[in-house]
C-alpha atoms as a PDB file:
ATOM      1  CA  MET A   1      19.388 -11.463 -50.944  1.00  0.00           C
ATOM      2  CA  SER A   2      16.134 -12.856 -49.236  1.00  0.00           C
ATOM      3  CA  LYS A   3      17.927 -15.908 -48.384  1.00  0.00           C
ATOM      4  CA  PRO A   4      20.821 -14.756 -46.526  1.00  0.00           C
ATOM      5  CA  VAL A   5      18.630 -11.819 -44.450  1.00  0.00           C
ATOM      6  CA  SER A   6      16.152 -14.700 -43.700  1.00  0.00           C
ATOM      7  CA  GLY A   7      19.062 -16.799 -42.473  1.00  0.00           C
ATOM      8  CA  LEU A   8      20.329 -14.095 -40.071  1.00  0.00           C
ATOM      9  CA  LEU A   9      17.047 -13.317 -38.423  1.00  0.00           C
ATOM     10  CA  ARG A  10      16.621 -16.945 -37.878  1.00  0.00           C
ATOM     11  CA  TRP A  11      19.754 -17.570 -36.322  1.00  0.00           C
ATOM     12  CA  ALA A  12      18.939 -14.367 -34.089  1.00  0.00           C
ATOM     13  CA  ALA A  13      15.643 -15.632 -32.970  1.00  0.00           C
ATOM     14  CA  LEU A  14      17.580 -18.731 -32.092  1.00  0.00           C
ATOM     15  CA  ALA A  15      20.121 -17.008 -30.423  1.00  0.00           C
ATOM     16  CA  PHE A  16      17.352 -14.897 -28.207  1.00  0.00           C
ATOM     17  CA  ILE A  17      15.506 -17.887 -27.493  1.00  0.00           C
ATOM     18  CA  ALA A  18      18.789 -19.663 -26.256  1.00  0.00           C
ATOM     19  CA  GLY A  19      19.545 -16.231 -24.201  1.00  0.00           C
ATOM     20  CA  GLN A  20      15.961 -16.769 -22.505  1.00  0.00           C
ATOM     21  CA  LEU A  21      16.332 -20.280 -21.920  1.00  0.00           C
ATOM     22  CA  ALA A  22      19.830 -19.982 -20.045  1.00  0.00           C
ATOM     23  CA  ALA A  23      18.499 -17.175 -18.128  1.00  0.00           C
ATOM     24  CA  THR A  24      15.399 -18.950 -17.026  1.00  0.00           C
ATOM     25  CA  SER A  25      17.683 -21.653 -16.261  1.00  0.00           C
ATOM     26  CA  ALA A  26      19.939 -19.739 -13.961  1.00  0.00           C
ATOM     27  CA  ARG A  27      17.193 -18.096 -12.638  1.00  0.00           C
ATOM     28  CA  ALA A  28      15.524 -21.497 -11.370  1.00  0.00           C
ATOM     29  CA  ALA A  29      19.028 -22.309 -10.322  1.00  0.00           C
ATOM     30  CA  ALA A  30      19.062 -19.143  -8.137  1.00  0.00           C
ATOM     31  CA  ASP A  31      16.072 -19.706  -6.527  1.00  0.00           C
ATOM     32  CA  ALA A  32      16.951 -23.146  -5.898  1.00  0.00           C
ATOM     33  CA  ALA A  33      19.665 -22.022  -4.126  1.00  0.00           C
ATOM     34  CA  LEU A  34      17.951 -19.483  -2.012  1.00  0.00           C
ATOM     35  CA  TYR A  35      15.295 -21.632  -0.973  1.00  0.00           C
ATOM     36  CA  GLU A  36      17.773 -24.552   0.296  1.00  0.00           C
ATOM     37  CA  ALA A  37      19.685 -21.298   1.862  1.00  0.00           C
ATOM     38  CA  ALA A  38      16.104 -20.408   3.344  1.00  0.00           C
ATOM     39  CA  LYS A  39      15.203 -24.028   4.796  1.00  0.00           C
ATOM     40  CA  ALA A  40      18.519 -24.112   6.695  1.00  0.00           C
ATOM     41  CA  GLU A  41      17.463 -20.821   8.587  1.00  0.00           C
ATOM     42  CA  LYS A  42      14.234 -22.910   9.046  1.00  0.00           C
ATOM     43  CA  GLU A  43      11.839 -19.520   9.883  1.00  0.00           C
ATOM     44  CA  VAL A  44      11.252 -15.819   8.872  1.00  0.00           C
ATOM     45  CA  VAL A  45       9.880 -13.202  10.753  1.00  0.00           C
ATOM     46  CA  TRP A  46       7.404 -10.907   9.600  1.00  0.00           C
ATOM     47  CA  TYR A  47       6.578  -7.484  11.214  1.00  0.00           C
ATOM     48  CA  THR A  48       3.439  -6.617   9.239  1.00  0.00           C
ATOM     49  CA  THR A  49       0.665  -4.177   9.087  1.00  0.00           C
ATOM     50  CA  LEU A  50      -1.935  -6.573   7.268  1.00  0.00           C
ATOM     51  CA  ILE A  51      -5.291  -7.417   8.678  1.00  0.00           C
ATOM     52  CA  LEU A  52      -4.543 -10.770   9.803  1.00  0.00           C
ATOM     53  CA  ASP A  53      -7.589 -12.830   8.581  1.00  0.00           C
ATOM     54  CA  THR A  54      -8.038 -11.110   5.040  1.00  0.00           C
ATOM     55  CA  ALA A  55      -4.459 -11.044   4.459  1.00  0.00           C
ATOM     56  CA  VAL A  56      -1.753 -12.264   6.663  1.00  0.00           C
ATOM     57  CA  ARG A  57      -2.973 -16.217   7.477  1.00  0.00           C
ATOM     58  CA  PRO A  58      -3.880 -16.308   3.512  1.00  0.00           C
ATOM     59  CA  ILE A  59      -0.265 -15.186   2.365  1.00  0.00           C
ATOM     60  CA  ILE A  60       1.334 -17.318   4.957  1.00  0.00           C
ATOM     61  CA  SER A  61      -0.450 -20.260   3.998  1.00  0.00           C
ATOM     62  CA  ALA A  62       0.218 -19.951   0.481  1.00  0.00           C
ATOM     63  CA  PHE A  63       3.906 -19.174   0.815  1.00  0.00           C
ATOM     64  CA  GLN A  64       4.601 -22.327   3.324  1.00  0.00           C
ATOM     65  CA  LYS A  65       2.678 -24.339   0.990  1.00  0.00           C
ATOM     66  CA  LYS A  66       5.055 -23.558  -1.804  1.00  0.00           C
ATOM     67  CA  TYR A  67       7.930 -23.399   0.511  1.00  0.00           C
ATOM     68  CA  PRO A  68       7.808 -26.305   2.950  1.00  0.00           C
ATOM     69  CA  GLY A  69      10.191 -26.111   5.618  1.00  0.00           C
ATOM     70  CA  VAL A  70      10.379 -22.379   5.835  1.00  0.00           C
ATOM     71  CA  THR A  71       8.201 -21.554   8.717  1.00  0.00           C
ATOM     72  CA  VAL A  72       6.839 -17.879   8.949  1.00  0.00           C
ATOM     73  CA  LYS A  73       6.632 -16.049  12.551  1.00  0.00           C
ATOM     74  CA  PHE A  74       4.730 -12.410  12.411  1.00  0.00           C
ATOM     75  CA  SER A  75       3.695 -10.011  14.772  1.00  0.00           C
ATOM     76  CA  ARG A  76       0.969  -7.239  13.541  1.00  0.00           C
ATOM     77  CA  ALA A  77       0.585  -3.584  14.583  1.00  0.00           C
ATOM     78  CA  ASP A  78      -0.257  -0.205  12.496  1.00  0.00           C
ATOM     79  CA  SER A  79       2.590   1.538  11.096  1.00  0.00           C
ATOM     80  CA  ALA A  80       3.796   3.832  13.296  1.00  0.00           C
ATOM     81  CA  PRO A  81       4.288   0.743  16.327  1.00  0.00           C
ATOM     82  CA  THR A  82       5.934  -1.299  13.900  1.00  0.00           C
ATOM     83  CA  ALA A  83       8.507   0.988  13.168  1.00  0.00           C
ATOM     84  CA  LEU A  84       8.961   1.937  16.949  1.00  0.00           C
ATOM     85  CA  LYS A  85       9.481  -1.984  17.779  1.00  0.00           C
ATOM     86  CA  VAL A  86      12.360  -2.234  14.985  1.00  0.00           C
ATOM     87  CA  LEU A  87      13.950   0.588  16.118  1.00  0.00           C
ATOM     88  CA  ASN A  88      13.752  -0.229  19.935  1.00  0.00           C
ATOM     89  CA  GLU A  89      15.195  -3.810  19.308  1.00  0.00           C
ATOM     90  CA  ALA A  90      17.726  -2.847  17.302  1.00  0.00           C
ATOM     91  CA  ARG A  91      18.758  -0.326  20.016  1.00  0.00           C
ATOM     92  CA  ALA A  92      18.981  -2.999  22.540  1.00  0.00           C
ATOM     93  CA  GLY A  93      20.926  -5.325  20.199  1.00  0.00           C
ATOM     94  CA  LYS A  94      18.278  -8.042  19.442  1.00  0.00           C
ATOM     95  CA  VAL A  95      17.134  -7.384  16.255  1.00  0.00           C
ATOM     96  CA  GLN A  96      13.889  -9.900  15.894  1.00  0.00           C
ATOM     97  CA  ALA A  97      12.050  -8.758  12.566  1.00  0.00           C
ATOM     98  CA  ASP A  98      13.478 -10.061   9.097  1.00  0.00           C
ATOM     99  CA  VAL A  99      10.916  -8.117   7.085  1.00  0.00           C
ATOM    100  CA  PHE A 100       8.781  -4.920   8.038  1.00  0.00           C
ATOM    101  CA  ASP A 101       5.824  -3.773   5.774  1.00  0.00           C
ATOM    102  CA  GLY A 102       3.400  -0.723   6.298  1.00  0.00           C
ATOM    103  CA  THR A 103       2.680   2.937   4.824  1.00  0.00           C
ATOM    104  CA  GLU A 104       5.171   4.648   7.521  1.00  0.00           C
ATOM    105  CA  THR A 105       7.026   1.948   8.395  1.00  0.00           C
ATOM    106  CA  ALA A 106      10.111   2.236   5.786  1.00  0.00           C
ATOM    107  CA  GLY A 107      10.768   5.679   6.335  1.00  0.00           C
ATOM    108  CA  PRO A 108      12.100   5.918  10.108  1.00  0.00           C
ATOM    109  CA  ILE A 109      13.853   2.556   9.588  1.00  0.00           C
ATOM    110  CA  ILE A 110      15.798   3.980   6.443  1.00  0.00           C
ATOM    111  CA  ARG A 111      16.742   6.871   8.578  1.00  0.00           C
ATOM    112  CA  ALA A 112      17.892   4.854  11.611  1.00  0.00           C
ATOM    113  CA  GLY A 113      19.856   2.994   8.865  1.00  0.00           C
ATOM    114  CA  LEU A 114      18.272  -0.098   9.786  1.00  0.00           C
ATOM    115  CA  ALA A 115      17.052  -1.501   6.379  1.00  0.00           C
ATOM    116  CA  ALA A 116      19.160  -3.668   4.009  1.00  0.00           C
ATOM    117  CA  LYS A 117      19.311  -3.086   0.563  1.00  0.00           C
ATOM    118  CA  TYR A 118      17.533  -5.680  -1.603  1.00  0.00           C
ATOM    119  CA  ILE A 119      15.981  -5.554  -5.238  1.00  0.00           C
ATOM    120  CA  PRO A 120      13.547  -8.407  -5.930  1.00  0.00           C
ATOM    121  CA  THR A 121      13.983 -10.259  -8.879  1.00  0.00           C
ATOM    122  CA  GLU A 122      11.060  -9.194 -10.806  1.00  0.00           C
ATOM    123  CA  ALA A 123      11.696  -5.509  -9.452  1.00  0.00           C
ATOM    124  CA  ASN A 124      11.875  -4.483 -13.153  1.00  0.00           C
ATOM    125  CA  LYS A 125       7.817  -5.410 -13.586  1.00  0.00           C
ATOM    126  CA  TYR A 126       7.303  -2.231 -11.312  1.00  0.00           C
ATOM    127  CA  PRO A 127       7.358   1.443 -12.435  1.00  0.00           C
ATOM    128  CA  ALA A 128       9.750   3.807 -10.668  1.00  0.00           C
ATOM    129  CA  GLU A 129       7.569   5.669  -8.348  1.00  0.00           C
ATOM    130  CA  LEU A 130       7.089   1.969  -6.746  1.00  0.00           C
ATOM    131  CA  LYS A 131      10.287   0.765  -5.921  1.00  0.00           C
ATOM    132  CA  ASP A 132      13.445   2.458  -4.248  1.00  0.00           C
ATOM    133  CA  PRO A 133      16.060   3.588  -6.333  1.00  0.00           C
ATOM    134  CA  ASN A 134      18.596   2.714  -3.551  1.00  0.00           C
ATOM    135  CA  GLY A 135      16.814  -0.876  -3.063  1.00  0.00           C
ATOM    136  CA  PHE A 136      15.555  -0.236   0.352  1.00  0.00           C
ATOM    137  CA  TRP A 137      11.724  -1.229  -0.630  1.00  0.00           C
ATOM    138  CA  ASN A 138       9.476  -2.608  -2.888  1.00  0.00           C
ATOM    139  CA  ALA A 139       5.667  -1.372  -3.474  1.00  0.00           C
ATOM    140  CA  TYR A 140       3.333  -4.869  -2.576  1.00  0.00           C
ATOM    141  CA  ILE A 141      -0.092  -3.074  -2.942  1.00  0.00           C
ATOM    142  CA  LEU A 142      -1.548  -0.072  -3.646  1.00  0.00           C
ATOM    143  CA  TYR A 143      -3.873   1.995  -1.382  1.00  0.00           C
ATOM    144  CA  PHE A 144      -6.303   4.746  -2.660  1.00  0.00           C
ATOM    145  CA  LEU A 145      -8.025   7.204  -0.059  1.00  0.00           C
ATOM    146  CA  THR A 146     -11.025   8.322  -0.835  1.00  0.00           C
ATOM    147  CA  PRO A 147     -14.976   9.797   0.470  1.00  0.00           C
ATOM    148  CA  ALA A 148     -17.003   6.781   1.435  1.00  0.00           C
ATOM    149  CA  ILE A 149     -21.050   7.841   1.382  1.00  0.00           C
ATOM    150  CA  ASN A 150     -23.960   5.640   2.747  1.00  0.00           C
ATOM    151  CA  THR A 151     -25.710   5.366  -0.581  1.00  0.00           C
ATOM    152  CA  ASP A 152     -29.522   4.724   1.939  1.00  0.00           C
ATOM    153  CA  LEU A 153     -29.027   8.111   3.383  1.00  0.00           C
ATOM    154  CA  THR A 154     -27.845  10.668   0.319  1.00  0.00           C
ATOM    155  CA  PRO A 155     -29.671  10.740  -3.112  1.00  0.00           C
ATOM    156  CA  GLN A 156     -26.760   9.870  -5.775  1.00  0.00           C
ATOM    157  CA  LYS A 157     -27.728  13.181  -7.452  1.00  0.00           C
ATOM    158  CA  ASP A 158     -26.364  15.027  -3.788  1.00  0.00           C
ATOM    159  CA  TRP A 159     -23.416  13.091  -3.661  1.00  0.00           C
ATOM    160  CA  PRO A 160     -20.385  15.434  -3.792  1.00  0.00           C
ATOM    161  CA  LYS A 161     -18.306  15.403  -6.900  1.00  0.00           C
ATOM    162  CA  THR A 162     -15.452  17.856  -6.371  1.00  0.00           C
ATOM    163  CA  ALA A 163     -13.865  19.308  -2.740  1.00  0.00           C
ATOM    164  CA  GLU A 164     -15.436  22.451  -3.034  1.00  0.00           C
ATOM    165  CA  ASP A 165     -18.886  20.155  -2.861  1.00  0.00           C
ATOM    166  CA  LEU A 166     -17.922  19.621   0.543  1.00  0.00           C
ATOM    167  CA  LEU A 167     -18.249  23.291   1.728  1.00  0.00           C
ATOM    168  CA  ASP A 168     -22.155  23.185   0.653  1.00  0.00           C
ATOM    169  CA  PRO A 169     -23.901  24.436   4.212  1.00  0.00           C
ATOM    170  CA  LYS A 170     -25.959  20.888   3.887  1.00  0.00           C
ATOM    171  CA  TRP A 171     -22.902  18.894   4.729  1.00  0.00           C
ATOM    172  CA  LYS A 172     -22.231  20.751   7.751  1.00  0.00           C
ATOM    173  CA  GLY A 173     -22.102  18.468  10.903  1.00  0.00           C
ATOM    174  CA  LYS A 174     -22.326  15.109   8.460  1.00  0.00           C
ATOM    175  CA  ILE A 175     -18.872  14.899   7.440  1.00  0.00           C
ATOM    176  CA  SER A 176     -16.674  12.642   9.292  1.00  0.00           C
ATOM    177  CA  TRP A 177     -13.101  10.836   9.506  1.00  0.00           C
ATOM    178  CA  GLY A 178     -11.155   8.812  11.225  1.00  0.00           C
ATOM    179  CA  MET A 179      -7.825   9.535  13.274  1.00  0.00           C
ATOM    180  CA  SER A 180      -5.618   6.720  12.632  1.00  0.00           C
ATOM    181  CA  SER A 181      -2.280   7.229  11.431  1.00  0.00           C
ATOM    182  CA  SER A 182      -1.842   8.626   7.592  1.00  0.00           C
ATOM    183  CA  THR A 183      -5.684   7.875   7.025  1.00  0.00           C
ATOM    184  CA  GLY A 184      -8.613  10.091   7.993  1.00  0.00           C
ATOM    185  CA  GLY A 185      -8.422  13.588   7.973  1.00  0.00           C
ATOM    186  CA  ILE A 186      -4.520  13.658   7.921  1.00  0.00           C
ATOM    187  CA  SER A 187      -4.547  11.959   4.194  1.00  0.00           C
ATOM    188  CA  PHE A 188      -7.032  14.584   3.073  1.00  0.00           C
ATOM    189  CA  ILE A 189      -5.601  17.462   4.447  1.00  0.00           C
ATOM    190  CA  ALA A 190      -1.921  16.051   2.909  1.00  0.00           C
ATOM    191  CA  GLY A 191      -3.998  15.885  -0.418  1.00  0.00           C
ATOM    192  CA  ILE A 192      -5.314  19.156  -0.579  1.00  0.00           C
ATOM    193  CA  MET A 193      -1.848  21.069   0.568  1.00  0.00           C
ATOM    194  CA  LEU A 194      -0.111  19.045  -2.534  1.00  0.00           C
ATOM    195  CA  SER A 195      -2.728  19.637  -4.748  1.00  0.00           C
ATOM    196  CA  MET A 196      -3.659  23.353  -4.085  1.00  0.00           C
ATOM    197  CA  GLY A 197      -0.560  24.404  -2.613  1.00  0.00           C
ATOM    198  CA  ASP A 198       0.052  26.113   0.926  1.00  0.00           C
ATOM    199  CA  GLU A 199      -1.783  29.160   0.218  1.00  0.00           C
ATOM    200  CA  LYS A 200      -4.852  28.398  -1.396  1.00  0.00           C
ATOM    201  CA  GLY A 201      -4.991  24.681   0.541  1.00  0.00           C
ATOM    202  CA  LEU A 202      -4.869  26.252   3.639  1.00  0.00           C
ATOM    203  CA  ALA A 203      -7.356  28.666   2.793  1.00  0.00           C
ATOM    204  CA  TYR A 204      -9.641  25.805   1.952  1.00  0.00           C
ATOM    205  CA  LEU A 205      -8.971  24.081   5.150  1.00  0.00           C
ATOM    206  CA  LYS A 206      -9.888  27.058   7.168  1.00  0.00           C
ATOM    207  CA  ARG A 207     -13.400  26.951   5.036  1.00  0.00           C
ATOM    208  CA  LEU A 208     -13.696  23.142   5.545  1.00  0.00           C
ATOM    209  CA  ALA A 209     -13.019  23.616   9.383  1.00  0.00           C
ATOM    210  CA  GLN A 210     -16.547  25.339   9.461  1.00  0.00           C
ATOM    211  CA  GLN A 211     -18.138  22.292   8.468  1.00  0.00           C
ATOM    212  CA  ASN A 212     -17.867  20.864  12.000  1.00  0.00           C
ATOM    213  CA  ILE A 213     -15.913  17.601  10.547  1.00  0.00           C
ATOM    214  CA  GLN A 214     -16.499  15.182  13.128  1.00  0.00           C
ATOM    215  CA  ASN A 215     -13.302  13.451  14.149  1.00  0.00           C
ATOM    216  CA  VAL A 216     -13.698   9.623  15.005  1.00  0.00           C
ATOM    217  CA  ASP A 217     -10.938   7.513  16.541  1.00  0.00           C
ATOM    218  CA  VAL A 218     -11.026   4.485  14.659  1.00  0.00           C
ATOM    219  CA  THR A 219      -9.135   3.204  11.431  1.00  0.00           C
ATOM    220  CA  ALA A 220      -9.936   3.512   8.092  1.00  0.00           C
ATOM    221  CA  ARG A 221     -11.864   0.146   7.686  1.00  0.00           C
ATOM    222  CA  ALA A 222     -14.086   0.918  11.025  1.00  0.00           C
ATOM    223  CA  MET A 223     -14.985   4.344   9.395  1.00  0.00           C
ATOM    224  CA  VAL A 224     -16.298   2.109   6.504  1.00  0.00           C
ATOM    225  CA  ASP A 225     -18.240   0.031   8.795  1.00  0.00           C
ATOM    226  CA  ARG A 226     -19.192   2.833  10.531  1.00  0.00           C
ATOM    227  CA  VAL A 227     -20.769   4.632   6.978  1.00  0.00           C
ATOM    228  CA  GLY A 228     -22.345   1.313   6.055  1.00  0.00           C
ATOM    229  CA  ALA A 229     -24.186   1.018   9.564  1.00  0.00           C
ATOM    230  CA  GLY A 230     -25.058   4.442   9.105  1.00  0.00           C
ATOM    231  CA  ASP A 231     -23.586   6.434  11.944  1.00  0.00           C
ATOM    232  CA  TYR A 232     -22.264   8.590   9.364  1.00  0.00           C
ATOM    233  CA  PRO A 233     -23.501   9.422   6.256  1.00  0.00           C
ATOM    234  CA  LEU A 234     -20.320  10.499   4.609  1.00  0.00           C
ATOM    235  CA  THR A 235     -16.325   9.917   6.089  1.00  0.00           C
ATOM    236  CA  LEU A 236     -13.333  11.175   4.021  1.00  0.00           C
ATOM    237  CA  GLY A 237      -9.776   9.186   3.503  1.00  0.00           C
ATOM    238  CA  ILE A 238     -10.629   5.559   3.600  1.00  0.00           C
ATOM    239  CA  PHE A 239      -9.425   2.847   1.481  1.00  0.00           C
ATOM    240  CA  ASN A 240     -11.748   2.639  -1.598  1.00  0.00           C
ATOM    241  CA  HIS A 241     -11.381  -1.274  -2.095  1.00  0.00           C
ATOM    242  CA  HIS A 242     -12.694  -1.707   1.639  1.00  0.00           C
ATOM    243  CA  THR A 243     -16.329  -0.211   0.560  1.00  0.00           C
ATOM    244  CA  VAL A 244     -16.022  -2.657  -2.470  1.00  0.00           C
ATOM    245  CA  MET A 245     -15.419  -5.474   0.448  1.00  0.00           C
ATOM    246  CA  SER A 246     -18.275  -3.908   2.464  1.00  0.00           C
ATOM    247  CA  ALA A 247     -20.744  -3.540  -0.158  1.00  0.00           C
ATOM    248  CA  GLN A 248     -20.499  -7.184  -1.441  1.00  0.00           C
ATOM    249  CA  LYS A 249     -21.502  -8.107   2.050  1.00  0.00           C
ATOM    250  CA  GLY A 250     -24.965  -6.172   1.723  1.00  0.00           C
ATOM    251  CA  ALA A 251     -23.579  -2.767   2.959  1.00  0.00           C
ATOM    252  CA  PRO A 252     -25.410   0.358   1.703  1.00  0.00           C
ATOM    253  CA  VAL A 253     -21.579   2.059   0.865  1.00  0.00           C
ATOM    254  CA  THR A 254     -19.445   3.294  -1.708  1.00  0.00           C
ATOM    255  CA  TRP A 255     -16.420   5.228  -2.475  1.00  0.00           C
ATOM    256  CA  LEU A 256     -16.666   8.649  -4.256  1.00  0.00           C
ATOM    257  CA  LYS A 257     -14.321   9.445  -7.279  1.00  0.00           C
ATOM    258  CA  LEU A 258     -13.734  13.118  -5.374  1.00  0.00           C
ATOM    259  CA  GLU A 259     -10.117  14.277  -6.007  1.00  0.00           C
ATOM    260  CA  PRO A 260      -7.063  14.844  -4.911  1.00  0.00           C
ATOM    261  CA  ILE A 261      -7.243  11.390  -4.187  1.00  0.00           C
ATOM    262  CA  VAL A 262      -3.658  10.005  -2.341  1.00  0.00           C
ATOM    263  CA  ALA A 263      -2.474   6.959  -2.283  1.00  0.00           C
ATOM    264  CA  PRO A 264      -0.107   5.853   0.355  1.00  0.00           C
ATOM    265  CA  LEU A 265       2.543   3.277  -0.710  1.00  0.00           C
ATOM    266  CA  ALA A 266       2.273   0.004   1.233  1.00  0.00           C
ATOM    267  CA  LEU A 267       6.351  -1.231   1.192  1.00  0.00           C
ATOM    268  CA  ILE A 268       8.021  -4.234   1.997  1.00  0.00           C
ATOM    269  CA  GLY A 269      11.911  -4.167   3.153  1.00  0.00           C
ATOM    270  CA  ILE A 270      14.190  -6.490   5.015  1.00  0.00           C
ATOM    271  CA  THR A 271      16.023  -5.470   8.349  1.00  0.00           C
ATOM    272  CA  LYS A 272      19.637  -4.598   8.499  1.00  0.00           C
ATOM    273  CA  ASP A 273      21.126  -7.505  10.716  1.00  0.00           C
ATOM    274  CA  ALA A 274      17.951  -9.819   9.901  1.00  0.00           C
ATOM    275  CA  PRO A 275      18.341 -13.025  12.105  1.00  0.00           C
ATOM    276  CA  HIS A 276      17.234 -14.754   9.045  1.00  0.00           C
ATOM    277  CA  PRO A 277      18.470 -12.968   5.861  1.00  0.00           C
ATOM    278  CA  ASN A 278      17.825 -15.849   3.183  1.00  0.00           C
ATOM    279  CA  ALA A 279      14.770 -16.780   4.462  1.00  0.00           C
ATOM    280  CA  ALA A 280      13.618 -12.780   4.116  1.00  0.00           C
ATOM    281  CA  ARG A 281      14.890 -12.508   0.682  1.00  0.00           C
ATOM    282  CA  LEU A 282      12.954 -15.437  -0.442  1.00  0.00           C
ATOM    283  CA  PHE A 283       9.445 -13.951   1.497  1.00  0.00           C
ATOM    284  CA  VAL A 284      10.402 -10.864  -0.217  1.00  0.00           C
ATOM    285  CA  GLU A 285      10.842 -12.413  -3.731  1.00  0.00           C
ATOM    286  CA  PHE A 286       7.162 -14.339  -3.129  1.00  0.00           C
ATOM    287  CA  ILE A 287       5.151 -10.822  -2.052  1.00  0.00           C
ATOM    288  CA  THR A 288       7.034  -9.169  -5.020  1.00  0.00           C
ATOM    289  CA  SER A 289       6.463 -11.841  -7.536  1.00  0.00           C
ATOM    290  CA  GLU A 290       3.335 -12.131 -10.189  1.00  0.00           C
ATOM    291  CA  GLU A 291       2.469 -15.178  -8.119  1.00  0.00           C
ATOM    292  CA  GLY A 292       2.466 -13.153  -4.887  1.00  0.00           C
ATOM    293  CA  GLN A 293       0.654 -10.051  -6.594  1.00  0.00           C
ATOM    294  CA  LYS A 294      -2.052 -12.627  -7.737  1.00  0.00           C
ATOM    295  CA  LEU A 295      -2.611 -13.899  -4.501  1.00  0.00           C
ATOM    296  CA  PHE A 296      -3.231 -10.097  -3.690  1.00  0.00           C
ATOM    297  CA  ALA A 297      -5.736  -9.731  -6.322  1.00  0.00           C
ATOM    298  CA  ASP A 298      -7.427 -13.114  -4.853  1.00  0.00           C
ATOM    299  CA  LEU A 299      -7.753 -11.596  -1.668  1.00  0.00           C
ATOM    300  CA  ASP A 300      -9.621  -8.625  -2.991  1.00  0.00           C
ATOM    301  CA  PHE A 301      -6.439  -5.913  -2.697  1.00  0.00           C
ATOM    302  CA  LEU A 302      -5.118  -3.692  -5.524  1.00  0.00           C
ATOM    303  CA  PRO A 303      -1.584  -5.332  -6.662  1.00  0.00           C
ATOM    304  CA  ALA A 304       0.966  -2.612  -7.276  1.00  0.00           C
ATOM    305  CA  MET A 305       2.663  -4.714 -10.013  1.00  0.00           C
ATOM    306  CA  PRO A 306       0.792  -3.236 -13.047  1.00  0.00           C
ATOM    307  CA  SER A 307       0.324  -6.243 -15.287  1.00  0.00           C
ATOM    308  CA  VAL A 308      -1.714  -7.853 -12.446  1.00  0.00           C
ATOM    309  CA  LEU A 309      -5.299  -6.562 -12.430  1.00  0.00           C
ATOM    310  CA  PRO A 310      -7.298  -6.514  -9.476  1.00  0.00           C
ATOM    311  CA  LYS A 311     -10.867  -7.986  -8.823  1.00  0.00           C
ATOM    312  CA  THR A 312     -12.292  -4.396  -9.399  1.00  0.00           C
ATOM    313  CA  PRO A 313     -10.483  -2.669 -11.948  1.00  0.00           C
ATOM    314  CA  SER A 314     -12.450   0.564 -11.411  1.00  0.00           C
ATOM    315  CA  LEU A 315     -10.575   1.231  -8.269  1.00  0.00           C
ATOM    316  CA  THR A 316      -7.463   2.002  -9.869  1.00  0.00           C
ATOM    317  CA  PRO A 317      -6.184   4.794 -11.862  1.00  0.00           C
ATOM    318  CA  ALA A 318      -6.009   3.104 -14.886  1.00  0.00           C
ATOM    319  CA  GLY A 319      -9.561   1.400 -14.670  1.00  0.00           C
ATOM    320  CA  GLY A 320     -11.232   4.429 -12.719  1.00  0.00           C
ATOM    321  CA  ASN A 321      -9.989   6.950 -14.922  1.00  0.00           C
ATOM    322  CA  PHE A 322      -7.868   9.058 -11.920  1.00  0.00           C
ATOM    323  CA  LYS A 323      -4.559  10.206 -11.247  1.00  0.00           C
ATOM    324  CA  PRO A 324      -3.714   9.848  -7.656  1.00  0.00           C
ATOM    325  CA  ILE A 325      -1.174  11.755  -5.527  1.00  0.00           C
ATOM    326  CA  TYR A 326       1.887   9.181  -4.566  1.00  0.00           C
ATOM    327  CA  LEU A 327       2.932   9.353  -0.755  1.00  0.00           C
ATOM    328  CA  THR A 328       6.379   8.556  -1.306  1.00  0.00           C
ATOM    329  CA  GLN A 329       8.966   8.380   1.889  1.00  0.00           C
ATOM    330  CA  GLU A 330      10.059  11.688   0.843  1.00  0.00           C
ATOM    331  CA  ILE A 331       6.803  13.937   0.675  1.00  0.00           C
ATOM    332  CA  VAL A 332       5.842  12.436   3.993  1.00  0.00           C
ATOM    333  CA  ALA A 333       9.264  13.158   5.635  1.00  0.00           C
ATOM    334  CA  ALA A 334       9.287  16.722   4.059  1.00  0.00           C
ATOM    335  CA  ASN A 335       5.272  17.426   4.700  1.00  0.00           C
ATOM    336  CA  GLN A 336       4.114  15.254   7.709  1.00  0.00           C
ATOM    337  CA  GLU A 337       4.765  17.820  10.503  1.00  0.00           C
ATOM    338  CA  THR A 338       2.726  20.314   8.852  1.00  0.00           C
ATOM    339  CA  TRP A 339      -0.022  18.276   7.992  1.00  0.00           C
ATOM    340  CA  TYR A 340      -0.370  17.444  11.868  1.00  0.00           C
ATOM    341  CA  ARG A 341      -0.028  20.824  12.978  1.00  0.00           C
ATOM    342  CA  ILE A 342      -2.797  21.703  10.360  1.00  0.00           C
ATOM    343  CA  MET A 343      -4.901  18.901  12.176  1.00  0.00           C
ATOM    344  CA  LYS A 344      -4.778  20.297  15.422  1.00  0.00           C
ATOM    345  CA  GLU A 345      -5.382  23.800  14.880  1.00  0.00           C
ATOM    346  CA  LEU A 346      -8.292  23.490  12.581  1.00  0.00           C
ATOM    347  CA  PHE A 347     -10.052  20.291  13.817  1.00  0.00           C
ATOM    348  CA  GLN A 348      -9.130  19.416  16.975  1.00  0.00           C
END
């Protein structure tokens, strides 16, 4: 009996290989057809929230090298202004953007009916929480918002390890946070409310307000620089990978694995009625592909594709052994108004 079974297995293996080769061939043909269609459109317009020198320019260079004949034009702003720009241009009947990204960009655009459905070819390599079931967006990088501390100003034995430690009288007047978009104070408030619940969370935040938190009207990235410069010993709600970037340049700063750690999703999507729809699809394919994700890892970002490891694995839940709270579009839409009200009432 062993010979017939062995023969069946051999034929099954050959059939599987043939199927894989056929699928690869079909994928290559589809990729080539999309590229040709994108070349006919000549350009793609990208509304991005990424930093120019550390991300935008290297990404454009890599994309244009891979796909000559398709030029990337971009407009850079934070998430909220980017969403507003897309909405205003659509209302004026002058859609300019093909592709948008950001942590707070997709929600308003989707609710206004201005996002196009598109599922990237390699979307199956992302977990469910990092892609939209309706096909309007896909996560492309991860952000984890944590405290940052100046390692010269505070001995390691005194670093706070829990949210309760922040209430210690020794930290009164020494805690800061940024006031930009969904990072800083808002992100910390979000994490407390989502992890503790409304009653316990609000009670905790009222106690924290007695610590005289210093509100600083700068971005999360700028807060890392301010902490590294010694302006503030401790700040809440910064991107943990930024501390690694700064430390590599000699700044005395590190991040603290102090939970709750919230993770706003950096999403990419395509606008409805995009002027260059095929070039938009090609660009999204590149960003969400394994090749594009490796590029983000090389640029010191945290790729959203689980199989692509960042340079510093400890920054991620798997490598750093922490459990983040992902801020999905639904969670943000349902709670954002409450978070901002708490910020205004207790901390401003």
